[in-house]
Amino acid sequence: MIHPILAYGDPILKLKASNISIDETGNLGPLIKDLWETMYNANGVGIAAPQIGISKAIFVVDFSFFKEEENFKEEELINMQQVFINPKIISETGNDFNYPEGCLSIPNISENVIRKEKLKINFLDKNLEPQQMICSGIIARVIQHEFDHLKGILFTDKLSYKKRKSLKQELNLISSGDIEVKYKMSFFKK
């Protein structure tokens, strides 16, 4: 099922997501399917459960969108389409890596965000098998972006005060629903 994506300004996007308990793991199939369908419908590359109003620690990413990137390292991947359940970042290392980011919850805005180049992350995959991934470049960046959603952090939170201030009007239009997007969104009514 395709869900509306929560827009910037919805308080759910600022919450820390809860880990998925053992009791809940048997019911993840429909949620995972909904995340993929919602993400692909919006032409996204990744989406976290809080973006569809479910404050749980799970996100999905399709890395195949980045095959043409110069810093894409396919050998670092477990799967091109990866599910991350209860992820935990072990380390973020290397040089600062500046790259433009966008977000399905913040449509029509793309800004350079500085992140660390390398990442080590533990997680459960879609089969609830423990995994560890060590990755770098664009793969690490996409994971860091989606992981931030589970912590209630948006990419705009990583921008300088001056840059956020310059985007204030655009962000207000998004939160009020005064934008055009090609996918279904949900706007928080105060």
N, C-alpha and C. Protein backbone atom coordinates (compact mmCIF):
# COMPACT_ATOMS: atom_id res chain seq x y z
N MET A 1 0.84 -1.18 0.00
CA MET A 1 0.00 0.00 0.00
C MET A 1 0.89 1.24 0.00
N ILE A 2 0.54 2.18 -0.84
CA ILE A 2 1.27 3.44 -0.91
C ILE A 2 0.72 4.39 0.15
N HIS A 3 1.60 4.86 1.01
CA HIS A 3 1.23 5.78 2.08
C HIS A 3 1.55 7.21 1.68
N PRO A 4 0.83 8.18 2.23
CA PRO A 4 1.27 9.57 2.05
C PRO A 4 2.56 9.77 2.86
N ILE A 5 3.45 10.56 2.32
CA ILE A 5 4.73 10.84 2.99
C ILE A 5 4.55 12.09 3.83
N LEU A 6 4.97 12.00 5.10
CA LEU A 6 4.84 13.14 5.99
C LEU A 6 5.73 14.28 5.53
N ALA A 7 5.18 15.48 5.51
CA ALA A 7 5.91 16.66 5.08
C ALA A 7 6.66 17.30 6.24
N TYR A 8 7.69 18.01 5.90
CA TYR A 8 8.45 18.82 6.84
C TYR A 8 7.46 19.57 7.74
N GLY A 9 7.72 19.56 9.03
CA GLY A 9 6.84 20.23 9.98
C GLY A 9 6.00 19.27 10.79
N ASP A 10 5.88 18.02 10.32
CA ASP A 10 5.12 17.04 11.09
C ASP A 10 5.96 16.61 12.29
N PRO A 11 5.40 16.68 13.51
CA PRO A 11 6.20 16.35 14.70
C PRO A 11 6.71 14.91 14.74
N ILE A 12 6.08 13.99 14.03
CA ILE A 12 6.56 12.60 14.01
C ILE A 12 7.98 12.54 13.44
N LEU A 13 8.28 13.43 12.49
CA LEU A 13 9.62 13.43 11.87
C LEU A 13 10.71 13.85 12.85
N LYS A 14 10.34 14.46 13.96
CA LYS A 14 11.32 14.92 14.95
C LYS A 14 11.45 13.97 16.14
N LEU A 15 10.67 12.87 16.13
CA LEU A 15 10.74 11.90 17.22
C LEU A 15 11.84 10.87 16.99
N LYS A 16 12.38 10.36 18.09
CA LYS A 16 13.30 9.23 17.98
C LYS A 16 12.45 7.97 17.83
N ALA A 17 12.70 7.20 16.80
CA ALA A 17 11.92 5.99 16.52
C ALA A 17 12.26 4.89 17.52
N SER A 18 11.27 4.07 17.87
CA SER A 18 11.50 2.94 18.78
C SER A 18 12.03 1.75 18.01
N ASN A 19 12.87 0.99 18.68
CA ASN A 19 13.33 -0.27 18.10
C ASN A 19 12.14 -1.21 17.93
N ILE A 20 12.25 -2.09 16.96
CA ILE A 20 11.21 -3.08 16.71
C ILE A 20 11.46 -4.25 17.65
N SER A 21 10.45 -4.59 18.42
CA SER A 21 10.59 -5.67 19.41
C SER A 21 10.47 -7.03 18.74
N ILE A 22 10.89 -8.05 19.47
CA ILE A 22 10.78 -9.44 18.98
C ILE A 22 9.32 -9.76 18.63
N ASP A 23 8.39 -9.28 19.46
CA ASP A 23 6.96 -9.54 19.22
C ASP A 23 6.48 -8.95 17.90
N GLU A 24 7.10 -7.85 17.47
CA GLU A 24 6.67 -7.17 16.24
C GLU A 24 7.31 -7.73 14.98
N THR A 25 8.39 -8.49 15.12
CA THR A 25 9.15 -8.90 13.94
C THR A 25 8.36 -9.80 12.99
N GLY A 26 7.41 -10.56 13.50
CA GLY A 26 6.61 -11.43 12.64
C GLY A 26 5.66 -10.68 11.73
N ASN A 27 5.42 -9.42 12.02
CA ASN A 27 4.46 -8.62 11.24
C ASN A 27 5.12 -7.59 10.34
N LEU A 28 6.41 -7.73 10.07
CA LEU A 28 7.12 -6.71 9.32
C LEU A 28 6.92 -6.78 7.80
N GLY A 29 6.54 -7.93 7.30
CA GLY A 29 6.39 -8.09 5.84
C GLY A 29 5.54 -7.00 5.20
N PRO A 30 4.32 -6.75 5.68
CA PRO A 30 3.50 -5.71 5.07
C PRO A 30 4.13 -4.31 5.17
N LEU A 31 4.77 -4.00 6.31
CA LEU A 31 5.40 -2.69 6.45
C LEU A 31 6.55 -2.53 5.45
N ILE A 32 7.37 -3.55 5.32
CA ILE A 32 8.49 -3.50 4.37
C ILE A 32 7.96 -3.31 2.95
N LYS A 33 6.93 -4.04 2.59
CA LYS A 33 6.32 -3.91 1.26
C LYS A 33 5.78 -2.49 1.06
N ASP A 34 5.12 -1.94 2.07
CA ASP A 34 4.58 -0.58 1.98
C ASP A 34 5.70 0.46 1.83
N LEU A 35 6.81 0.25 2.55
CA LEU A 35 7.93 1.19 2.43
C LEU A 35 8.47 1.19 1.00
N TRP A 36 8.68 0.00 0.42
CA TRP A 36 9.17 -0.07 -0.96
C TRP A 36 8.18 0.60 -1.92
N GLU A 37 6.91 0.25 -1.80
CA GLU A 37 5.90 0.80 -2.73
C GLU A 37 5.81 2.31 -2.62
N THR A 38 5.82 2.82 -1.40
CA THR A 38 5.73 4.27 -1.19
C THR A 38 6.96 4.97 -1.74
N MET A 39 8.14 4.40 -1.48
CA MET A 39 9.39 5.00 -1.96
C MET A 39 9.44 5.03 -3.49
N TYR A 40 9.13 3.90 -4.13
CA TYR A 40 9.18 3.86 -5.59
C TYR A 40 8.12 4.77 -6.22
N ASN A 41 6.95 4.84 -5.62
CA ASN A 41 5.90 5.72 -6.13
C ASN A 41 6.36 7.18 -6.14
N ALA A 42 7.19 7.55 -5.17
CA ALA A 42 7.68 8.92 -5.06
C ALA A 42 9.03 9.11 -5.75
N ASN A 43 9.51 8.09 -6.46
CA ASN A 43 10.82 8.13 -7.13
C ASN A 43 11.95 8.41 -6.15
N GLY A 44 11.86 7.81 -4.97
CA GLY A 44 12.91 7.97 -3.97
C GLY A 44 13.93 6.87 -4.06
N VAL A 45 15.03 7.04 -3.31
CA VAL A 45 16.08 6.02 -3.25
C VAL A 45 16.11 5.36 -1.88
N GLY A 46 15.47 5.99 -0.91
CA GLY A 46 15.39 5.44 0.44
C GLY A 46 14.22 6.07 1.16
N ILE A 47 13.72 5.37 2.16
CA ILE A 47 12.63 5.92 2.98
C ILE A 47 12.66 5.22 4.33
N ALA A 48 12.38 6.00 5.36
CA ALA A 48 12.34 5.47 6.73
C ALA A 48 10.89 5.45 7.20
N ALA A 49 10.58 4.49 8.08
CA ALA A 49 9.20 4.33 8.58
C ALA A 49 8.61 5.62 9.15
N PRO A 50 9.39 6.45 9.88
CA PRO A 50 8.78 7.69 10.38
C PRO A 50 8.22 8.59 9.26
N GLN A 51 8.76 8.47 8.07
CA GLN A 51 8.27 9.30 6.95
C GLN A 51 6.87 8.89 6.50
N ILE A 52 6.43 7.71 6.90
CA ILE A 52 5.04 7.32 6.60
C ILE A 52 4.21 7.25 7.88
N GLY A 53 4.73 7.91 8.93
CA GLY A 53 3.96 8.04 10.17
C GLY A 53 4.12 6.91 11.15
N ILE A 54 5.10 6.03 10.93
CA ILE A 54 5.33 4.89 11.83
C ILE A 54 6.68 5.09 12.49
N SER A 55 6.66 5.44 13.76
CA SER A 55 7.90 5.78 14.47
C SER A 55 8.61 4.52 14.96
N LYS A 56 9.06 3.72 14.00
CA LYS A 56 9.78 2.47 14.26
C LYS A 56 11.12 2.50 13.54
N ALA A 57 12.10 1.79 14.09
CA ALA A 57 13.47 1.81 13.58
C ALA A 57 13.65 0.86 12.39
N ILE A 58 13.18 1.30 11.25
CA ILE A 58 13.34 0.53 10.01
C ILE A 58 13.38 1.50 8.83
N PHE A 59 14.28 1.21 7.89
CA PHE A 59 14.29 1.95 6.63
C PHE A 59 14.73 1.03 5.51
N VAL A 60 14.44 1.45 4.29
CA VAL A 60 14.83 0.69 3.10
C VAL A 60 15.59 1.61 2.15
N VAL A 61 16.51 1.02 1.39
CA VAL A 61 17.29 1.79 0.42
C VAL A 61 17.50 0.94 -0.83
N ASP A 62 17.36 1.57 -1.98
CA ASP A 62 17.70 0.93 -3.25
C ASP A 62 18.96 1.61 -3.78
N PHE A 63 20.09 0.96 -3.62
CA PHE A 63 21.38 1.53 -4.00
C PHE A 63 21.61 1.54 -5.50
N SER A 64 20.80 0.81 -6.26
CA SER A 64 21.03 0.72 -7.71
C SER A 64 20.92 2.08 -8.39
N PHE A 65 20.25 3.04 -7.76
CA PHE A 65 20.13 4.38 -8.33
C PHE A 65 21.49 5.07 -8.43
N PHE A 66 22.47 4.61 -7.68
CA PHE A 66 23.75 5.30 -7.59
C PHE A 66 24.88 4.61 -8.35
N LYS A 67 24.53 3.62 -9.17
CA LYS A 67 25.57 2.84 -9.88
C LYS A 67 26.50 3.70 -10.72
N GLU A 68 26.02 4.83 -11.20
CA GLU A 68 26.83 5.69 -12.08
C GLU A 68 27.70 6.67 -11.30
N GLU A 69 27.51 6.75 -10.00
CA GLU A 69 28.31 7.68 -9.18
C GLU A 69 29.75 7.20 -9.12
N GLU A 70 30.69 8.13 -9.16
CA GLU A 70 32.10 7.75 -9.16
C GLU A 70 32.54 7.11 -7.84
N ASN A 71 31.84 7.44 -6.75
CA ASN A 71 32.24 6.87 -5.46
C ASN A 71 31.31 5.73 -5.03
N PHE A 72 30.70 5.06 -6.01
CA PHE A 72 29.83 3.92 -5.72
C PHE A 72 30.67 2.64 -5.73
N LYS A 73 30.59 1.88 -4.64
CA LYS A 73 31.38 0.65 -4.53
C LYS A 73 30.44 -0.52 -4.28
N GLU A 74 30.05 -1.17 -5.36
CA GLU A 74 29.07 -2.25 -5.31
C GLU A 74 29.52 -3.39 -4.39
N GLU A 75 30.82 -3.63 -4.31
CA GLU A 75 31.32 -4.75 -3.50
C GLU A 75 31.05 -4.53 -2.00
N GLU A 76 30.70 -3.31 -1.60
CA GLU A 76 30.41 -3.04 -0.19
C GLU A 76 28.99 -3.47 0.20
N LEU A 77 28.17 -3.80 -0.78
CA LEU A 77 26.76 -4.05 -0.52
C LEU A 77 26.45 -5.51 -0.26
N ILE A 78 25.48 -5.72 0.61
CA ILE A 78 24.91 -7.05 0.82
C ILE A 78 23.89 -7.30 -0.29
N ASN A 79 23.03 -6.33 -0.51
CA ASN A 79 22.03 -6.36 -1.59
C ASN A 79 21.88 -4.95 -2.14
N MET A 80 21.48 -4.85 -3.40
CA MET A 80 21.18 -3.53 -3.96
C MET A 80 19.95 -2.93 -3.27
N GLN A 81 18.97 -3.78 -2.98
CA GLN A 81 17.78 -3.35 -2.25
C GLN A 81 17.90 -3.88 -0.83
N GLN A 82 18.16 -2.98 0.10
CA GLN A 82 18.46 -3.42 1.46
C GLN A 82 17.45 -2.88 2.46
N VAL A 83 17.04 -3.75 3.38
CA VAL A 83 16.18 -3.39 4.50
C VAL A 83 17.07 -3.31 5.74
N PHE A 84 16.92 -2.23 6.51
CA PHE A 84 17.68 -2.02 7.74
C PHE A 84 16.69 -1.98 8.91
N ILE A 85 16.74 -2.99 9.77
CA ILE A 85 15.86 -3.07 10.94
C ILE A 85 16.72 -2.89 12.20
N ASN A 86 16.26 -2.01 13.09
CA ASN A 86 16.98 -1.69 14.33
C ASN A 86 18.47 -1.43 14.08
N PRO A 87 18.78 -0.54 13.12
CA PRO A 87 20.19 -0.30 12.81
C PRO A 87 20.91 0.43 13.94
N LYS A 88 22.20 0.18 14.01
CA LYS A 88 23.05 0.88 14.99
C LYS A 88 24.36 1.23 14.29
N ILE A 89 24.64 2.53 14.20
CA ILE A 89 25.91 2.95 13.61
C ILE A 89 27.01 2.72 14.64
N ILE A 90 28.02 1.98 14.23
CA ILE A 90 29.16 1.65 15.10
C ILE A 90 30.22 2.74 14.99
N SER A 91 30.46 3.20 13.76
CA SER A 91 31.46 4.27 13.58
C SER A 91 31.20 5.03 12.29
N GLU A 92 31.56 6.29 12.32
CA GLU A 92 31.58 7.16 11.14
C GLU A 92 32.98 7.77 11.12
N THR A 93 33.73 7.47 10.07
CA THR A 93 35.14 7.88 10.03
C THR A 93 35.48 8.45 8.66
N GLY A 94 36.75 8.80 8.51
CA GLY A 94 37.24 9.29 7.24
C GLY A 94 37.07 10.79 7.10
N ASN A 95 37.29 11.24 5.88
CA ASN A 95 37.20 12.67 5.59
C ASN A 95 35.75 13.14 5.57
N ASP A 96 35.58 14.44 5.75
CA ASP A 96 34.26 15.03 5.55
C ASP A 96 33.95 14.98 4.06
N PHE A 97 32.71 14.64 3.74
CA PHE A 97 32.27 14.40 2.37
C PHE A 97 31.06 15.30 2.15
N ASN A 98 31.22 16.32 1.31
CA ASN A 98 30.17 17.30 1.04
C ASN A 98 29.44 16.91 -0.24
N TYR A 99 28.11 16.81 -0.17
CA TYR A 99 27.34 16.31 -1.32
C TYR A 99 25.91 16.80 -1.19
N PRO A 100 25.24 17.10 -2.32
CA PRO A 100 23.85 17.57 -2.22
C PRO A 100 22.89 16.45 -1.82
N GLU A 101 22.00 16.77 -0.89
CA GLU A 101 20.99 15.83 -0.43
C GLU A 101 19.61 16.44 -0.59
N GLY A 102 18.65 15.57 -0.83
CA GLY A 102 17.25 15.94 -0.83
C GLY A 102 16.51 14.95 0.04
N CYS A 103 15.20 15.12 0.16
CA CYS A 103 14.43 14.24 1.03
C CYS A 103 12.98 14.24 0.56
N LEU A 104 12.35 13.07 0.58
CA LEU A 104 10.95 12.97 0.16
C LEU A 104 10.03 13.79 1.07
N SER A 105 10.43 14.01 2.32
CA SER A 105 9.62 14.81 3.25
C SER A 105 9.88 16.31 3.08
N ILE A 106 10.91 16.66 2.30
CA ILE A 106 11.26 18.05 2.06
C ILE A 106 11.43 18.22 0.55
N PRO A 107 10.34 18.10 -0.21
CA PRO A 107 10.46 18.11 -1.67
C PRO A 107 10.95 19.44 -2.22
N ASN A 108 11.60 19.36 -3.37
CA ASN A 108 12.04 20.53 -4.14
C ASN A 108 13.19 21.30 -3.49
N ILE A 109 13.81 20.75 -2.47
CA ILE A 109 14.97 21.39 -1.85
C ILE A 109 16.12 20.39 -1.86
N SER A 110 17.27 20.86 -2.30
CA SER A 110 18.49 20.06 -2.28
C SER A 110 19.61 20.97 -1.81
N GLU A 111 20.36 20.51 -0.82
CA GLU A 111 21.45 21.30 -0.27
C GLU A 111 22.65 20.41 0.04
N ASN A 112 23.84 21.00 -0.02
CA ASN A 112 25.05 20.27 0.34
C ASN A 112 25.06 20.01 1.83
N VAL A 113 25.34 18.76 2.18
CA VAL A 113 25.43 18.33 3.57
C VAL A 113 26.79 17.66 3.76
N ILE A 114 27.44 17.99 4.86
CA ILE A 114 28.74 17.37 5.17
C ILE A 114 28.49 16.15 6.05
N ARG A 115 29.01 15.02 5.62
CA ARG A 115 28.95 13.79 6.40
C ARG A 115 30.32 13.12 6.34
N LYS A 116 30.56 12.20 7.25
CA LYS A 116 31.80 11.42 7.21
C LYS A 116 31.74 10.45 6.04
N GLU A 117 32.91 10.17 5.49
CA GLU A 117 33.03 9.37 4.27
C GLU A 117 32.78 7.88 4.47
N LYS A 118 33.11 7.36 5.68
CA LYS A 118 33.03 5.92 5.91
C LYS A 118 32.08 5.61 7.07
N LEU A 119 31.51 4.40 7.00
CA LEU A 119 30.49 4.03 7.97
C LEU A 119 30.57 2.55 8.27
N LYS A 120 30.36 2.21 9.53
CA LYS A 120 30.18 0.81 9.93
C LYS A 120 28.84 0.76 10.65
N ILE A 121 27.95 -0.14 10.21
CA ILE A 121 26.61 -0.23 10.77
C ILE A 121 26.21 -1.68 10.99
N ASN A 122 25.57 -1.94 12.11
CA ASN A 122 24.96 -3.24 12.40
C ASN A 122 23.45 -3.11 12.24
N PHE A 123 22.80 -4.16 11.77
CA PHE A 123 21.35 -4.12 11.58
C PHE A 123 20.83 -5.54 11.36
N LEU A 124 19.53 -5.67 11.40
CA LEU A 124 18.87 -6.91 11.00
C LEU A 124 18.37 -6.70 9.57
N ASP A 125 18.53 -7.72 8.73
CA ASP A 125 18.02 -7.62 7.36
C ASP A 125 16.55 -8.05 7.32
N LYS A 126 15.98 -8.14 6.12
CA LYS A 126 14.55 -8.47 6.00
C LYS A 126 14.21 -9.86 6.53
N ASN A 127 15.22 -10.73 6.61
CA ASN A 127 15.02 -12.07 7.17
C ASN A 127 15.34 -12.13 8.66
N LEU A 128 15.55 -10.95 9.25
CA LEU A 128 15.88 -10.80 10.68
C LEU A 128 17.23 -11.42 11.03
N GLU A 129 18.10 -11.50 10.02
CA GLU A 129 19.46 -12.00 10.22
C GLU A 129 20.37 -10.82 10.56
N PRO A 130 21.21 -10.95 11.59
CA PRO A 130 22.13 -9.87 11.93
C PRO A 130 23.14 -9.65 10.79
N GLN A 131 23.39 -8.39 10.47
CA GLN A 131 24.33 -8.03 9.41
C GLN A 131 25.22 -6.91 9.92
N GLN A 132 26.39 -6.82 9.32
CA GLN A 132 27.25 -5.66 9.53
C GLN A 132 27.70 -5.20 8.15
N MET A 133 27.62 -3.92 7.93
CA MET A 133 28.05 -3.36 6.65
C MET A 133 29.10 -2.30 6.93
N ILE A 134 30.18 -2.37 6.19
CA ILE A 134 31.22 -1.34 6.21
C ILE A 134 31.21 -0.75 4.81
N CYS A 135 30.95 0.55 4.72
CA CYS A 135 30.80 1.15 3.40
C CYS A 135 31.34 2.58 3.41
N SER A 136 31.37 3.16 2.22
CA SER A 136 31.92 4.51 2.08
C SER A 136 31.19 5.25 0.97
N GLY A 137 31.54 6.51 0.81
CA GLY A 137 31.01 7.32 -0.28
C GLY A 137 29.50 7.45 -0.25
N ILE A 138 28.91 7.34 -1.42
CA ILE A 138 27.47 7.58 -1.57
C ILE A 138 26.64 6.55 -0.80
N ILE A 139 27.13 5.32 -0.71
CA ILE A 139 26.41 4.28 0.02
C ILE A 139 26.31 4.67 1.50
N ALA A 140 27.45 5.09 2.08
CA ALA A 140 27.46 5.52 3.48
C ALA A 140 26.55 6.72 3.68
N ARG A 141 26.59 7.65 2.76
CA ARG A 141 25.78 8.88 2.88
C ARG A 141 24.29 8.57 2.91
N VAL A 142 23.83 7.72 2.01
CA VAL A 142 22.40 7.40 1.96
C VAL A 142 21.97 6.71 3.26
N ILE A 143 22.80 5.81 3.75
CA ILE A 143 22.48 5.13 5.01
C ILE A 143 22.43 6.15 6.16
N GLN A 144 23.40 7.05 6.21
CA GLN A 144 23.43 8.06 7.27
C GLN A 144 22.18 8.94 7.22
N HIS A 145 21.76 9.30 6.01
CA HIS A 145 20.56 10.14 5.85
C HIS A 145 19.32 9.42 6.39
N GLU A 146 19.13 8.17 5.99
CA GLU A 146 17.96 7.42 6.45
C GLU A 146 18.05 7.12 7.94
N PHE A 147 19.24 6.80 8.43
CA PHE A 147 19.43 6.55 9.85
C PHE A 147 19.05 7.79 10.67
N ASP A 148 19.41 8.97 10.17
CA ASP A 148 19.05 10.21 10.85
C ASP A 148 17.54 10.32 11.05
N HIS A 149 16.77 9.86 10.07
CA HIS A 149 15.30 9.90 10.22
C HIS A 149 14.86 9.14 11.47
N LEU A 150 15.56 8.07 11.81
CA LEU A 150 15.20 7.28 12.98
C LEU A 150 15.55 8.00 14.28
N LYS A 151 16.40 9.00 14.19
CA LYS A 151 16.80 9.79 15.35
C LYS A 151 16.05 11.12 15.41
N GLY A 152 15.13 11.33 14.48
CA GLY A 152 14.39 12.59 14.45
C GLY A 152 15.18 13.74 13.86
N ILE A 153 16.16 13.42 13.03
CA ILE A 153 17.03 14.43 12.42
C ILE A 153 16.76 14.49 10.93
N LEU A 154 16.54 15.69 10.41
CA LEU A 154 16.37 15.91 8.98
C LEU A 154 17.65 16.52 8.41
N PHE A 155 17.86 16.38 7.12
CA PHE A 155 19.11 16.91 6.55
C PHE A 155 19.21 18.41 6.75
N THR A 156 18.09 19.11 6.82
CA THR A 156 18.11 20.55 7.04
C THR A 156 18.67 20.90 8.42
N ASP A 157 18.57 19.98 9.37
CA ASP A 157 19.13 20.21 10.71
C ASP A 157 20.65 20.27 10.67
N LYS A 158 21.25 19.74 9.62
CA LYS A 158 22.70 19.70 9.50
C LYS A 158 23.26 20.91 8.75
N LEU A 159 22.37 21.78 8.30
CA LEU A 159 22.79 22.98 7.58
C LEU A 159 23.15 24.09 8.56
N SER A 160 23.92 25.04 8.08
CA SER A 160 24.27 26.19 8.93
C SER A 160 23.01 27.00 9.25
N TYR A 161 23.09 27.76 10.33
CA TYR A 161 21.96 28.61 10.72
C TYR A 161 21.59 29.55 9.58
N LYS A 162 22.61 30.12 8.94
CA LYS A 162 22.39 31.07 7.84
C LYS A 162 21.64 30.39 6.67
N LYS A 163 22.05 29.18 6.35
CA LYS A 163 21.41 28.44 5.24
C LYS A 163 19.98 28.08 5.60
N ARG A 164 19.74 27.60 6.84
CA ARG A 164 18.37 27.27 7.27
C ARG A 164 17.49 28.51 7.22
N LYS A 165 18.04 29.63 7.64
CA LYS A 165 17.27 30.88 7.62
C LYS A 165 16.90 31.26 6.20
N SER A 166 17.82 31.05 5.25
CA SER A 166 17.54 31.39 3.85
C SER A 166 16.48 30.46 3.24
N LEU A 167 16.32 29.26 3.82
CA LEU A 167 15.33 28.29 3.33
C LEU A 167 13.99 28.39 4.07
N LYS A 168 13.91 29.24 5.08
CA LYS A 168 12.74 29.30 5.95
C LYS A 168 11.43 29.46 5.17
N GLN A 169 11.41 30.34 4.20
CA GLN A 169 10.17 30.56 3.44
C GLN A 169 9.77 29.30 2.67
N GLU A 170 10.74 28.66 2.01
CA GLU A 170 10.44 27.43 1.27
C GLU A 170 9.97 26.31 2.21
N LEU A 171 10.62 26.20 3.37
CA LEU A 171 10.24 25.18 4.34
C LEU A 171 8.83 25.44 4.89
N ASN A 172 8.50 26.71 5.10
CA ASN A 172 7.15 27.06 5.55
C ASN A 172 6.10 26.69 4.51
N LEU A 173 6.42 26.87 3.23
CA LEU A 173 5.49 26.48 2.16
C LEU A 173 5.27 24.97 2.16
N ILE A 174 6.36 24.22 2.38
CA ILE A 174 6.23 22.76 2.44
C ILE A 174 5.35 22.35 3.61
N SER A 175 5.64 22.90 4.79
CA SER A 175 4.88 22.48 5.98
C SER A 175 3.41 22.89 5.89
N SER A 176 3.11 23.95 5.16
CA SER A 176 1.71 24.38 5.02
C SER A 176 0.99 23.64 3.89
N GLY A 177 1.75 22.89 3.09
CA GLY A 177 1.13 22.16 1.98
C GLY A 177 0.99 22.99 0.72
N ASP A 178 1.62 24.14 0.68
CA ASP A 178 1.51 25.05 -0.45
C ASP A 178 2.61 24.76 -1.49
N ILE A 179 2.66 23.49 -1.91
CA ILE A 179 3.67 23.05 -2.87
C ILE A 179 3.04 22.05 -3.84
N GLU A 180 3.72 21.85 -4.94
CA GLU A 180 3.29 20.82 -5.89
C GLU A 180 4.28 19.67 -5.86
N VAL A 181 3.76 18.48 -5.63
CA VAL A 181 4.59 17.28 -5.69
C VAL A 181 3.83 16.22 -6.47
N LYS A 182 4.58 15.26 -7.00
CA LYS A 182 3.97 14.23 -7.84
C LYS A 182 3.65 12.96 -7.07
N TYR A 183 3.65 13.05 -5.75
CA TYR A 183 3.28 11.92 -4.92
C TYR A 183 2.44 12.43 -3.76
N LYS A 184 1.77 11.50 -3.11
CA LYS A 184 0.85 11.85 -2.02
C LYS A 184 1.65 12.21 -0.77
N MET A 185 1.30 13.39 -0.19
CA MET A 185 1.94 13.82 1.04
C MET A 185 0.90 14.10 2.09
N SER A 186 1.34 14.08 3.34
CA SER A 186 0.47 14.40 4.46
C SER A 186 1.06 15.63 5.16
N PHE A 187 0.23 16.64 5.35
CA PHE A 187 0.67 17.89 5.96
C PHE A 187 0.06 18.02 7.34
N PHE A 188 0.90 18.35 8.31
CA PHE A 188 0.46 18.43 9.71
C PHE A 188 -0.38 19.68 9.91
N LYS A 189 -1.54 19.49 10.46
CA LYS A 189 -2.44 20.61 10.76
C LYS A 189 -2.31 20.93 12.24
N LYS A 190 -1.91 22.15 12.52
CA LYS A 190 -1.70 22.56 13.91
C LYS A 190 -3.01 22.82 14.60
